[in-house]
N, C-alpha and C. Protein backbone atom coordinates (compact mmCIF):
# COMPACT_ATOMS: atom_id res chain seq x y z
N MET A 1 172.69 92.90 219.27
CA MET A 1 173.14 91.90 218.32
C MET A 1 172.04 91.09 217.95
N THR A 2 172.15 90.48 216.75
CA THR A 2 171.02 89.55 216.26
C THR A 2 171.68 88.14 215.98
N ILE A 3 170.92 87.17 216.40
CA ILE A 3 171.33 85.82 216.16
C ILE A 3 170.24 85.09 215.45
N CYS A 4 170.57 84.59 214.21
CA CYS A 4 169.53 83.87 213.46
C CYS A 4 169.78 82.31 213.59
N SER A 5 168.69 81.69 213.51
CA SER A 5 168.74 80.11 213.52
C SER A 5 169.29 79.70 212.22
N TYR A 6 169.89 78.44 212.24
CA TYR A 6 170.55 77.74 211.05
C TYR A 6 169.41 77.75 209.94
N LYS A 7 169.85 78.29 208.83
CA LYS A 7 169.03 78.22 207.66
C LYS A 7 167.72 78.95 207.94
N ARG A 8 167.67 79.82 208.94
CA ARG A 8 166.48 80.60 209.22
C ARG A 8 165.24 79.76 209.51
N LYS A 9 165.44 78.61 210.02
CA LYS A 9 164.30 77.72 210.39
C LYS A 9 163.65 78.33 211.69
N ASN A 10 162.31 78.15 211.69
CA ASN A 10 161.56 78.55 212.83
C ASN A 10 161.63 77.77 214.09
N ILE A 11 162.82 77.80 214.66
CA ILE A 11 163.16 76.96 215.83
C ILE A 11 162.61 77.47 217.15
N PHE A 12 162.41 78.80 217.18
CA PHE A 12 161.98 79.36 218.39
C PHE A 12 160.41 79.48 218.54
N GLY A 13 159.71 79.20 217.53
CA GLY A 13 158.26 79.23 217.56
C GLY A 13 157.74 79.30 216.11
N GLU A 14 156.37 79.29 216.04
CA GLU A 14 155.77 79.50 214.77
C GLU A 14 154.48 80.23 214.99
N ILE A 15 153.97 80.89 213.88
CA ILE A 15 152.84 81.69 213.98
C ILE A 15 151.58 80.86 213.70
N ILE A 16 150.68 80.83 214.52
CA ILE A 16 149.45 80.07 214.33
C ILE A 16 148.27 80.95 214.69
N ASP A 17 147.43 81.24 213.69
CA ASP A 17 146.28 82.12 213.85
C ASP A 17 146.72 83.57 214.36
N THR A 18 147.68 84.15 213.76
CA THR A 18 148.26 85.43 214.08
C THR A 18 148.95 85.56 215.45
N GLU A 19 149.17 84.37 216.18
CA GLU A 19 149.77 84.42 217.49
C GLU A 19 151.04 83.52 217.34
N ILE A 20 152.09 83.93 218.12
CA ILE A 20 153.23 83.21 218.09
C ILE A 20 153.23 82.11 219.18
N GLU A 21 153.43 80.88 218.74
CA GLU A 21 153.42 79.83 219.73
C GLU A 21 154.87 79.38 219.86
N LEU A 22 155.46 79.58 221.06
CA LEU A 22 156.79 79.36 221.33
C LEU A 22 157.17 77.97 221.61
N THR A 23 158.49 77.60 221.40
CA THR A 23 158.95 76.24 221.58
C THR A 23 159.85 76.12 222.81
N THR A 24 160.20 74.98 223.18
CA THR A 24 161.15 74.63 224.32
C THR A 24 162.45 75.40 224.02
N ILE A 25 162.80 75.31 222.76
CA ILE A 25 164.19 76.07 222.44
C ILE A 25 164.13 77.49 222.80
N GLU A 26 162.87 78.15 222.57
CA GLU A 26 162.84 79.57 222.87
C GLU A 26 162.91 79.75 224.35
N GLU A 27 162.45 78.81 225.17
CA GLU A 27 162.43 78.95 226.73
C GLU A 27 163.84 78.74 227.15
N ILE A 28 164.61 77.82 226.49
CA ILE A 28 166.06 77.69 226.81
C ILE A 28 166.90 79.00 226.48
N ALA A 29 166.60 79.53 225.36
CA ALA A 29 167.32 80.71 224.93
C ALA A 29 167.04 81.81 225.90
N GLU A 30 165.75 82.02 226.20
CA GLU A 30 165.38 83.14 227.18
C GLU A 30 165.97 82.82 228.58
N SER A 31 166.11 81.65 229.05
CA SER A 31 166.77 81.29 230.35
C SER A 31 168.24 81.62 230.29
N VAL A 32 168.87 81.19 229.14
CA VAL A 32 170.33 81.58 229.03
C VAL A 32 170.51 83.13 229.07
N TRP A 33 169.66 83.81 228.38
CA TRP A 33 169.79 85.32 228.26
C TRP A 33 169.72 85.92 229.65
N TYR A 34 168.78 85.45 230.45
CA TYR A 34 168.56 86.07 231.85
C TYR A 34 169.78 85.56 232.81
N THR A 35 170.33 84.56 232.58
CA THR A 35 171.51 84.18 233.52
C THR A 35 172.87 84.58 232.94
N THR A 36 172.85 85.15 231.81
CA THR A 36 174.19 85.68 231.23
C THR A 36 174.94 86.66 232.12
N ALA A 37 174.21 87.55 232.74
CA ALA A 37 174.83 88.61 233.53
C ALA A 37 175.43 88.00 234.90
N SER A 38 174.78 86.91 235.42
CA SER A 38 175.28 86.32 236.67
C SER A 38 176.55 85.47 236.25
N ILE A 39 176.69 85.01 235.04
CA ILE A 39 177.77 84.14 234.70
C ILE A 39 179.01 85.02 234.36
N HIS A 40 178.79 86.11 233.70
CA HIS A 40 179.84 87.02 233.21
C HIS A 40 179.82 88.34 234.03
N LYS A 41 180.79 88.55 234.80
CA LYS A 41 180.77 89.71 235.68
C LYS A 41 180.73 91.05 234.97
N ASN A 42 181.28 91.09 233.79
CA ASN A 42 181.43 92.38 233.11
C ASN A 42 180.33 92.57 232.11
N VAL A 43 179.30 91.80 232.21
CA VAL A 43 178.11 91.90 231.22
C VAL A 43 176.87 92.32 231.80
N GLU A 44 176.24 93.18 231.19
CA GLU A 44 174.88 93.57 231.59
C GLU A 44 173.84 93.40 230.46
N ILE A 45 172.74 92.82 230.75
CA ILE A 45 171.81 92.56 229.68
C ILE A 45 170.76 93.70 229.70
N ASP A 46 170.20 93.98 228.57
CA ASP A 46 169.23 94.98 228.41
C ASP A 46 168.02 94.39 227.64
N GLU A 47 167.44 95.07 226.75
CA GLU A 47 166.21 94.58 226.04
C GLU A 47 166.55 93.40 225.12
N PHE A 48 165.53 92.52 224.91
CA PHE A 48 165.78 91.51 224.00
C PHE A 48 164.30 91.08 223.54
N VAL A 49 164.29 90.48 222.33
CA VAL A 49 162.94 89.96 221.69
C VAL A 49 163.38 88.70 220.96
N ILE A 50 162.58 87.66 221.12
CA ILE A 50 162.82 86.41 220.35
C ILE A 50 161.68 86.32 219.27
N MET A 51 162.08 86.18 218.09
CA MET A 51 161.13 85.96 217.03
C MET A 51 161.16 84.46 216.71
N THR A 52 160.41 84.10 215.59
CA THR A 52 160.29 82.66 215.27
C THR A 52 161.65 81.96 214.79
N ASN A 53 162.50 82.83 214.13
CA ASN A 53 163.69 82.35 213.59
C ASN A 53 165.03 83.13 213.89
N HIS A 54 164.91 84.18 214.80
CA HIS A 54 166.01 84.91 215.24
C HIS A 54 165.72 85.73 216.50
N MET A 55 166.71 86.15 217.09
CA MET A 55 166.73 86.88 218.41
C MET A 55 167.36 88.23 218.22
N HIS A 56 166.84 89.35 218.82
CA HIS A 56 167.51 90.62 218.86
C HIS A 56 167.81 90.87 220.36
N MET A 57 169.02 91.36 220.63
CA MET A 57 169.46 91.47 221.99
C MET A 57 170.27 92.75 222.13
N ILE A 58 170.29 93.41 223.25
CA ILE A 58 171.20 94.49 223.57
C ILE A 58 172.04 93.98 224.84
N LEU A 59 173.31 93.91 224.62
CA LEU A 59 174.23 93.47 225.58
C LEU A 59 175.29 94.53 225.78
N ILE A 60 175.45 94.82 227.10
CA ILE A 60 176.35 95.87 227.41
C ILE A 60 177.59 95.13 228.04
N ILE A 61 178.75 95.40 227.57
CA ILE A 61 180.00 94.81 228.04
C ILE A 61 180.82 95.95 228.68
N HIS A 62 181.07 95.77 229.95
CA HIS A 62 181.84 96.73 230.78
C HIS A 62 183.31 96.31 230.98
N ASP A 63 184.11 97.27 231.02
CA ASP A 63 185.70 96.98 231.32
C ASP A 63 186.37 96.14 230.43
N ASN A 64 185.82 95.87 229.36
CA ASN A 64 186.46 95.04 228.20
C ASN A 64 187.65 94.25 228.64
N ASP A 65 187.43 93.39 229.71
CA ASP A 65 188.64 92.60 230.18
C ASP A 65 188.70 91.26 229.70
N VAL A 66 188.04 90.99 228.59
CA VAL A 66 187.85 89.67 227.98
C VAL A 66 188.85 89.50 226.84
N GLY A 67 189.77 90.48 226.51
CA GLY A 67 190.69 90.36 225.54
C GLY A 67 190.23 90.78 224.15
N VAL A 68 189.03 91.41 224.09
CA VAL A 68 188.63 91.89 222.79
C VAL A 68 188.90 93.36 222.68
N HIS A 69 189.44 93.70 221.50
CA HIS A 69 189.70 95.17 221.34
C HIS A 69 189.01 95.71 220.14
N CYS A 70 188.49 96.94 220.21
CA CYS A 70 187.78 97.57 219.17
C CYS A 70 188.69 98.61 218.48
N ASN A 71 188.52 98.61 217.11
CA ASN A 71 189.10 99.59 216.31
C ASN A 71 188.30 100.84 216.36
N GLN A 72 188.74 101.84 217.15
CA GLN A 72 187.82 103.04 217.26
C GLN A 72 187.99 104.02 216.05
N SER A 73 188.81 103.71 215.10
CA SER A 73 188.98 104.66 213.90
C SER A 73 187.86 104.39 212.90
N LEU A 74 186.97 103.45 213.10
CA LEU A 74 185.90 103.20 212.12
C LEU A 74 184.85 104.23 212.10
């Protein structure tokens, strides 16, 4: 999944001299990502990357017991 910041503002960091300097918000987002699996028993986290204004994540949901149903005819 991809999550973008509001109005695509660089809230997670900014590029300075070809290097990304990360912000406290990025640290919070990363911390929440790593604790997600311990909070939600049916969730497994996989790869993720945080960019300056968005995040890409792979989240695996097991046993779909959260009341969400997929239309498999798509």
